[in-house]
Amino acid sequence: MKSKIIGGIILLVVIIVVIAFQFINTNKPEQITVTGYLGGEKIGLMEDEEVKKILKDKYGLTVDYTKAGSIEMVEQDSSDKDYLFPSSQTALELFNQTKSDKLYKSEILFNSPIVIYTWKPIADALINDGIVEMKDNSYYIADTTKLISLVTDKKKWSDIGVNDLYGYVTIQSTDPNKSNSGNMFAGLVANIMNNQTVVDESTVDSILPQLKDFFGKIGYMEHSSSDLFEQYLKTGMGAKPMIAGYENQMIEFAIENPSDWETVKDQVAVLYPEPTVWSSHPLIALNEKGAKLIEAMQDPKIQEIAWTKHGFRTGVSGTINTDVEGFYGIPKTINAVIQMPNPNTMQKIMDGIK
């Protein structure tokens, strides 16, 4: 009798284990790998262990990527990819113009304004020159026209009181024909040169010579915004006095590298152009697998992580981290914004400064 009872208990345990195993596997999503091109500024987000776990456990996705510039990725062959994740609406529109038959679905997931990264001595000099002003713990470029004129008029750093730097004032960016941050910055500079009015096909020819001269002074341009930002921090004020980049880059750096942030936080300065342009980050699905990634990246928890840990402004309610705002000189809202030139005009700009 005792052995029958023990046998019955063992059988019951086996049944429970089998049922539990079947339940777990029934509720576990099928695992697939999605492959695509990714802008370098989003690598930190996609390598975030919490994001990777949500994608895998909740949506059955493992994301594989190759780093590429936003313009670069929409122009090159993507027949073996499931998605493209550039950093601008312009890149999406260029893709639509040439490869609309390849588009399965797209969605803008994040936004980040274009900013100018510099150093405190330069920011102080620009304040003294009436170009930059401090409002609510944030630096704003109140006279963007004058800032651009420092470059086009071949002003030296010593002309604005930065005597430790040699040579002429420059604002470095990534290559506008390869990377979105450079492309967005080119559109912004073109608008500023056009009396802060959006450039179109009827006005672009008049500002192209000046624009070409502006970018010609930069010299070699990186293909990736993440590479340029890394060089800015590593090589310092002498090599990279001012660069154009995304707002999220400094937030992500500060959160992910707290000890390094403590070292540089009193040296760096984030300048917000007035006006600036928004860099929208559309996820372009090339097939059903890519569309599944779009759905997964809209998960409220991933959207929250995107802002609170990686600095991307998101559209999901309740994801604003007030500990981030102000502490890093990050304003709660970006109000002074100008539209980018249309794709045809941007193509003329890109060809003109190639």
Protein backbone atom coordinates (compact mmCIF):
# COMPACT_ATOMS: atom_id res chain seq x y z
CA MET A 1 0.00 0.00 0.00
CA LYS A 2 2.82 2.36 0.93
CA SER A 3 4.61 1.74 -2.37
CA LYS A 4 1.38 2.47 -4.28
CA ILE A 5 1.01 5.79 -2.45
CA ILE A 6 4.62 6.73 -3.24
CA GLY A 7 4.13 5.68 -6.84
CA GLY A 8 0.96 7.79 -7.07
CA ILE A 9 2.79 10.82 -5.68
CA ILE A 10 5.63 10.39 -8.18
CA LEU A 11 3.12 10.07 -11.02
CA LEU A 12 1.32 13.21 -9.86
CA VAL A 13 4.61 15.15 -9.70
CA VAL A 14 5.51 13.98 -13.23
CA ILE A 15 2.10 15.10 -14.54
CA ILE A 16 2.47 18.51 -12.86
CA VAL A 17 5.97 18.95 -14.31
CA VAL A 18 4.79 18.00 -17.82
CA ILE A 19 1.82 20.38 -17.63
CA ALA A 20 4.03 23.20 -16.31
CA PHE A 21 6.61 22.58 -19.05
CA GLN A 22 3.91 22.64 -21.72
CA PHE A 23 2.42 25.84 -20.23
CA ILE A 24 5.80 27.60 -20.18
CA ASN A 25 6.59 26.60 -23.74
CA THR A 26 3.11 27.51 -24.95
CA ASN A 27 3.54 31.04 -23.59
CA LYS A 28 7.14 31.46 -24.75
CA PRO A 29 7.35 33.35 -28.07
CA GLU A 30 9.04 31.79 -31.04
CA GLN A 31 12.64 33.01 -31.19
CA ILE A 32 13.85 34.76 -34.35
CA THR A 33 16.83 36.95 -35.26
CA VAL A 34 16.29 40.25 -37.06
CA THR A 35 19.19 41.71 -39.03
CA GLY A 36 19.71 45.25 -40.24
CA TYR A 37 21.67 48.49 -40.40
CA LEU A 38 21.82 50.63 -37.26
CA GLY A 39 22.93 54.21 -36.63
CA GLY A 40 25.91 54.27 -34.26
CA GLU A 41 24.19 56.60 -31.78
CA LYS A 42 21.65 53.83 -30.99
CA ILE A 43 24.15 51.02 -30.35
CA GLY A 44 24.14 51.73 -26.61
CA LEU A 45 20.37 51.33 -26.52
CA MET A 46 20.32 48.11 -28.54
CA GLU A 47 23.15 46.66 -26.41
CA ASP A 48 21.33 47.54 -23.18
CA GLU A 49 20.90 44.23 -21.32
CA GLU A 50 17.44 45.18 -20.07
CA VAL A 51 16.30 46.04 -23.61
CA LYS A 52 17.77 42.81 -24.99
CA LYS A 53 15.96 40.78 -22.32
CA ILE A 54 12.58 42.40 -23.06
CA LEU A 55 13.02 41.84 -26.79
CA LYS A 56 13.98 38.20 -26.29
CA ASP A 57 11.64 37.13 -23.48
CA LYS A 58 8.54 39.13 -24.42
CA TYR A 59 8.80 39.31 -28.21
CA GLY A 60 11.14 36.45 -29.15
CA LEU A 61 13.59 38.76 -30.90
CA THR A 62 17.36 38.85 -31.03
CA VAL A 63 18.62 41.93 -32.85
CA ASP A 64 21.69 41.67 -35.06
CA TYR A 65 23.06 44.84 -36.62
CA THR A 66 25.77 46.42 -38.72
CA LYS A 67 26.70 50.01 -37.90
CA ALA A 68 26.16 52.42 -40.80
CA GLY A 69 25.55 56.10 -41.39
CA SER A 70 21.91 57.05 -41.94
CA ILE A 71 22.32 58.24 -45.54
CA GLU A 72 24.73 55.42 -46.26
CA MET A 73 22.30 52.71 -45.13
CA VAL A 74 19.36 53.86 -47.26
CA GLU A 75 21.54 54.11 -50.36
CA GLN A 76 23.34 50.77 -50.20
CA ASP A 77 22.04 47.27 -50.89
CA SER A 78 19.79 46.01 -48.09
CA SER A 79 18.29 42.98 -49.81
CA ASP A 80 19.58 40.67 -47.05
CA LYS A 81 18.32 42.89 -44.20
CA ASP A 82 15.09 42.94 -42.20
CA TYR A 83 15.24 46.55 -41.06
CA LEU A 84 17.04 49.89 -41.30
CA PHE A 85 17.26 52.17 -38.27
CA PRO A 86 18.53 55.59 -39.42
CA SER A 87 18.34 58.86 -37.52
CA SER A 88 16.27 61.15 -39.68
CA GLN A 89 13.03 61.58 -41.54
CA THR A 90 15.17 62.72 -44.49
CA ALA A 91 16.76 59.28 -44.70
CA LEU A 92 13.31 57.68 -44.75
CA GLU A 93 12.13 60.06 -47.49
CA LEU A 94 15.24 59.36 -49.57
CA PHE A 95 14.55 55.64 -49.17
CA ASN A 96 10.96 56.17 -50.28
CA GLN A 97 12.08 58.06 -53.37
CA THR A 98 14.37 55.30 -54.64
CA LYS A 99 13.21 52.07 -52.99
CA SER A 100 9.55 52.55 -52.10
CA ASP A 101 8.81 49.00 -53.28
CA LYS A 102 11.11 47.69 -50.53
CA LEU A 103 9.26 49.45 -47.71
CA TYR A 104 7.10 47.11 -45.62
CA LYS A 105 6.36 49.49 -42.73
CA SER A 106 7.97 52.41 -40.89
CA GLU A 107 7.49 54.19 -37.58
CA ILE A 108 9.27 57.10 -35.89
CA LEU A 109 10.28 55.79 -32.47
CA PHE A 110 12.53 58.47 -30.96
CA ASN A 111 13.48 62.12 -31.37
CA SER A 112 16.61 64.05 -30.49
CA PRO A 113 17.47 67.67 -31.29
CA ILE A 114 20.73 68.63 -32.95
CA VAL A 115 23.05 70.39 -30.48
CA ILE A 116 26.57 71.80 -30.50
CA TYR A 117 29.02 70.20 -28.08
CA THR A 118 31.82 72.45 -26.89
CA TRP A 119 33.86 73.29 -23.78
CA LYS A 120 33.26 75.74 -20.94
CA PRO A 121 35.99 78.26 -21.94
CA ILE A 122 34.49 78.47 -25.44
CA ALA A 123 30.94 78.70 -24.09
CA ASP A 124 32.02 81.53 -21.76
CA ALA A 125 33.67 83.37 -24.66
CA LEU A 126 30.52 82.99 -26.77
CA ILE A 127 28.44 84.36 -23.89
CA ASN A 128 30.74 87.38 -23.66
CA ASP A 129 30.37 87.86 -27.42
CA GLY A 130 26.55 87.86 -27.17
CA ILE A 131 26.18 84.64 -29.17
CA VAL A 132 25.24 82.28 -26.34
CA GLU A 133 23.10 82.88 -23.27
CA MET A 134 22.28 80.81 -20.21
CA LYS A 135 18.60 80.19 -19.39
CA ASP A 136 17.36 77.82 -16.69
CA ASN A 137 20.73 76.06 -16.43
CA SER A 138 20.88 75.42 -20.20
CA TYR A 139 23.07 77.04 -22.85
CA TYR A 140 21.23 78.48 -25.86
CA ILE A 141 22.77 79.84 -29.06
CA ALA A 142 20.72 83.01 -29.18
CA ASP A 143 22.47 84.36 -32.30
CA THR A 144 23.00 81.40 -34.61
CA THR A 145 23.67 83.70 -37.55
CA LYS A 146 26.59 85.30 -35.75
CA LEU A 147 27.98 81.91 -34.74
CA ILE A 148 27.96 80.71 -38.36
CA SER A 149 29.54 84.02 -39.40
CA LEU A 150 32.51 83.32 -37.13
CA VAL A 151 33.31 80.43 -39.47
CA THR A 152 32.45 82.05 -42.80
CA ASP A 153 34.26 85.30 -41.89
CA LYS A 154 37.39 83.32 -40.94
CA LYS A 155 37.51 84.55 -37.38
CA LYS A 156 40.29 83.13 -35.23
CA TRP A 157 39.68 81.68 -31.78
CA SER A 158 41.74 84.51 -30.37
CA ASP A 159 39.27 86.97 -31.95
CA ILE A 160 36.61 85.79 -29.50
CA GLY A 161 38.97 85.59 -26.53
CA VAL A 162 39.92 81.89 -26.60
CA ASN A 163 43.66 82.43 -26.68
CA ASP A 164 44.57 78.83 -25.86
CA LEU A 165 43.36 77.67 -29.28
CA TYR A 166 45.15 78.24 -32.56
CA GLY A 167 43.69 78.70 -36.01
CA TYR A 168 40.21 79.56 -37.18
CA VAL A 169 36.82 78.92 -35.62
CA THR A 170 35.23 75.73 -36.97
CA ILE A 171 32.25 73.56 -36.07
CA GLN A 172 33.01 69.96 -36.97
CA SER A 173 30.33 67.51 -38.05
CA THR A 174 30.02 64.09 -39.62
CA ASP A 175 29.93 63.76 -43.40
CA PRO A 176 26.49 65.00 -44.58
CA ASN A 177 26.59 62.46 -47.41
CA LYS A 178 27.14 59.54 -45.04
CA SER A 179 25.75 60.37 -41.61
CA ASN A 180 22.53 61.91 -40.44
CA SER A 181 23.91 64.25 -37.80
CA GLY A 182 26.06 65.91 -40.47
CA ASN A 183 23.13 65.90 -42.87
CA MET A 184 20.83 67.54 -40.32
CA PHE A 185 23.50 70.07 -39.40
CA ALA A 186 23.98 70.94 -43.09
CA GLY A 187 20.24 71.56 -43.42
CA LEU A 188 20.25 73.72 -40.29
CA VAL A 189 23.25 75.78 -41.45
CA ALA A 190 21.63 76.23 -44.88
CA ASN A 191 18.46 77.56 -43.22
CA ILE A 192 20.46 79.95 -41.04
CA MET A 193 22.34 81.25 -44.09
CA ASN A 194 18.96 81.76 -45.75
CA ASN A 195 17.96 84.35 -43.13
CA GLN A 196 16.65 81.59 -40.84
CA THR A 197 14.08 80.59 -43.44
CA VAL A 198 13.73 77.03 -44.73
CA VAL A 199 15.75 76.64 -47.94
CA ASP A 200 13.95 75.28 -50.99
CA GLU A 201 14.71 74.68 -54.68
CA SER A 202 14.30 78.39 -55.47
CA THR A 203 16.81 79.61 -52.85
CA VAL A 204 19.34 76.82 -52.42
CA ASP A 205 21.62 77.89 -55.30
CA SER A 206 22.19 81.30 -53.72
CA ILE A 207 23.60 79.86 -50.49
CA LEU A 208 25.46 76.81 -51.88
CA PRO A 209 28.84 78.54 -52.42
CA GLN A 210 28.85 79.83 -48.85
CA LEU A 211 27.69 76.46 -47.52
CA LYS A 212 30.38 74.61 -49.47
CA ASP A 213 33.01 76.96 -48.05
CA PHE A 214 31.69 76.38 -44.52
CA PHE A 215 32.00 72.60 -44.75
CA GLY A 216 35.26 72.82 -46.68
CA LYS A 217 36.86 74.31 -43.56
CA ILE A 218 36.06 71.20 -41.51
CA GLY A 219 38.54 68.90 -43.25
CA TYR A 220 38.13 65.16 -42.73
CA MET A 221 34.64 64.25 -41.54
CA GLU A 222 33.72 61.09 -39.64
CA HIS A 223 31.02 58.80 -41.04
CA SER A 224 29.46 58.11 -37.63
CA SER A 225 28.13 60.50 -35.00
CA SER A 226 29.18 58.07 -32.25
CA ASP A 227 32.78 58.10 -33.53
CA LEU A 228 32.86 61.91 -33.68
CA PHE A 229 31.41 62.23 -30.17
CA GLU A 230 33.94 59.72 -28.83
CA GLN A 231 36.79 61.70 -30.40
CA TYR A 232 35.39 64.93 -28.95
CA LEU A 233 35.61 63.51 -25.44
CA LYS A 234 38.93 61.73 -25.93
CA THR A 235 40.94 64.38 -27.76
CA GLY A 236 39.57 67.42 -25.93
CA MET A 237 39.21 71.10 -26.70
CA GLY A 238 42.37 71.43 -28.77
CA ALA A 239 41.34 68.86 -31.37
CA LYS A 240 37.56 69.14 -31.19
CA PRO A 241 36.57 72.65 -30.00
CA MET A 242 32.98 72.43 -31.28
CA ILE A 243 31.08 69.56 -32.87
CA ALA A 244 27.50 68.98 -34.02
CA GLY A 245 25.77 65.98 -32.50
CA TYR A 246 22.62 64.60 -30.90
CA GLU A 247 21.34 65.67 -27.49
CA ASN A 248 21.04 62.08 -26.33
CA GLN A 249 24.77 61.39 -26.65
CA MET A 250 25.84 63.35 -23.57
CA ILE A 251 22.95 62.02 -21.47
CA GLU A 252 23.81 58.43 -22.37
CA PHE A 253 27.51 59.02 -21.70
CA ALA A 254 26.83 60.56 -18.28
CA ILE A 255 24.51 57.74 -17.19
CA GLU A 256 26.61 54.86 -18.50
CA ASN A 257 29.98 56.28 -17.42
CA PRO A 258 29.41 58.00 -14.05
CA SER A 259 33.09 58.16 -13.05
CA ASP A 260 34.13 59.60 -16.44
CA TRP A 261 31.22 62.05 -16.26
CA GLU A 262 32.46 63.31 -12.91
CA THR A 263 35.80 64.03 -14.57
CA VAL A 264 34.44 66.04 -17.52
CA LYS A 265 31.11 67.48 -16.33
CA ASP A 266 32.66 70.81 -15.35
CA GLN A 267 34.52 71.07 -18.65
CA VAL A 268 31.90 70.28 -21.32
CA ALA A 269 28.98 72.41 -22.49
CA VAL A 270 25.89 71.52 -24.53
CA LEU A 271 24.68 74.40 -26.70
CA TYR A 272 21.11 74.42 -28.04
CA PRO A 273 20.83 76.34 -31.33
CA GLU A 274 17.86 78.67 -31.65
CA PRO A 275 16.44 77.45 -33.89
CA THR A 276 17.52 73.82 -34.03
CA VAL A 277 16.17 70.86 -36.00
CA TRP A 278 14.67 67.64 -34.70
CA SER A 279 16.36 64.40 -35.62
CA SER A 280 13.63 61.78 -35.83
CA HIS A 281 14.64 58.12 -35.62
CA PRO A 282 12.41 56.02 -37.91
CA LEU A 283 12.61 52.26 -37.84
CA ILE A 284 12.16 51.01 -41.42
CA ALA A 285 10.83 47.46 -41.70
CA LEU A 286 11.74 45.68 -44.94
CA ASN A 287 9.64 42.59 -44.17
CA GLU A 288 7.43 41.02 -41.51
CA LYS A 289 10.39 40.33 -39.22
CA GLY A 290 11.30 44.01 -39.28
CA ALA A 291 7.68 44.91 -38.51
CA LYS A 292 7.87 42.72 -35.39
CA LEU A 293 10.85 44.77 -34.27
CA ILE A 294 8.84 47.98 -34.72
CA GLU A 295 6.12 46.58 -32.46
CA ALA A 296 8.64 45.48 -29.84
CA MET A 297 10.52 48.80 -29.78
CA GLN A 298 7.24 50.59 -28.99
CA ASP A 299 6.99 48.65 -25.72
CA PRO A 300 6.44 51.27 -22.96
CA LYS A 301 9.31 49.87 -20.87
CA ILE A 302 11.75 50.06 -23.79
CA GLN A 303 10.58 53.60 -24.55
CA GLU A 304 11.17 54.52 -20.90
CA ILE A 305 14.68 53.04 -20.97
CA ALA A 306 15.39 54.91 -24.21
CA TRP A 307 14.91 58.25 -22.42
CA THR A 308 16.01 57.58 -18.84
CA LYS A 309 19.20 55.68 -19.74
CA HIS A 310 20.01 56.71 -23.31
CA GLY A 311 18.60 60.21 -23.68
CA PHE A 312 16.18 59.69 -26.59
CA ARG A 313 13.01 61.75 -26.25
CA THR A 314 10.05 59.42 -26.72
CA GLY A 315 6.35 59.78 -27.36
CA VAL A 316 5.09 57.51 -24.59
CA SER A 317 3.39 59.33 -21.71
CA GLY A 318 5.16 59.16 -18.37
CA THR A 319 8.66 58.46 -19.70
CA ILE A 320 10.14 61.88 -18.90
CA ASN A 321 12.83 61.57 -16.25
CA THR A 322 12.98 64.82 -14.28
CA ASP A 323 16.26 63.71 -12.69
CA VAL A 324 17.84 63.95 -16.15
CA GLU A 325 16.38 67.33 -17.02
CA GLY A 326 18.27 70.28 -15.61
CA PHE A 327 20.98 68.17 -13.98
CA TYR A 328 22.80 67.80 -17.29
CA GLY A 329 21.65 71.17 -18.60
CA ILE A 330 18.91 69.40 -20.54
CA PRO A 331 15.77 71.53 -21.05
CA LYS A 332 12.39 69.93 -20.51
CA THR A 333 11.07 71.12 -23.87
CA ILE A 334 12.61 72.23 -27.17
CA ASN A 335 10.59 75.14 -28.52
CA ALA A 336 12.79 76.97 -31.06
CA VAL A 337 12.67 74.56 -34.01
CA ILE A 338 12.89 75.03 -37.78
CA GLN A 339 11.93 72.46 -40.41
CA MET A 340 14.53 70.71 -42.51
CA PRO A 341 14.67 71.47 -46.25
CA ASN A 342 12.68 69.03 -48.38
CA PRO A 343 14.48 65.91 -49.75
CA ASN A 344 15.06 67.37 -53.24
CA THR A 345 16.68 70.47 -51.75
CA MET A 346 18.75 68.37 -49.35
CA GLN A 347 19.95 66.30 -52.29
CA LYS A 348 21.20 69.48 -53.97
CA ILE A 349 22.92 70.48 -50.73
CA MET A 350 24.54 67.06 -50.37
CA ASP A 351 25.74 67.10 -53.98
CA GLY A 352 27.00 70.66 -53.58
CA ILE A 353 29.23 69.90 -50.57
CA LYS A 354 30.22 66.36 -51.51
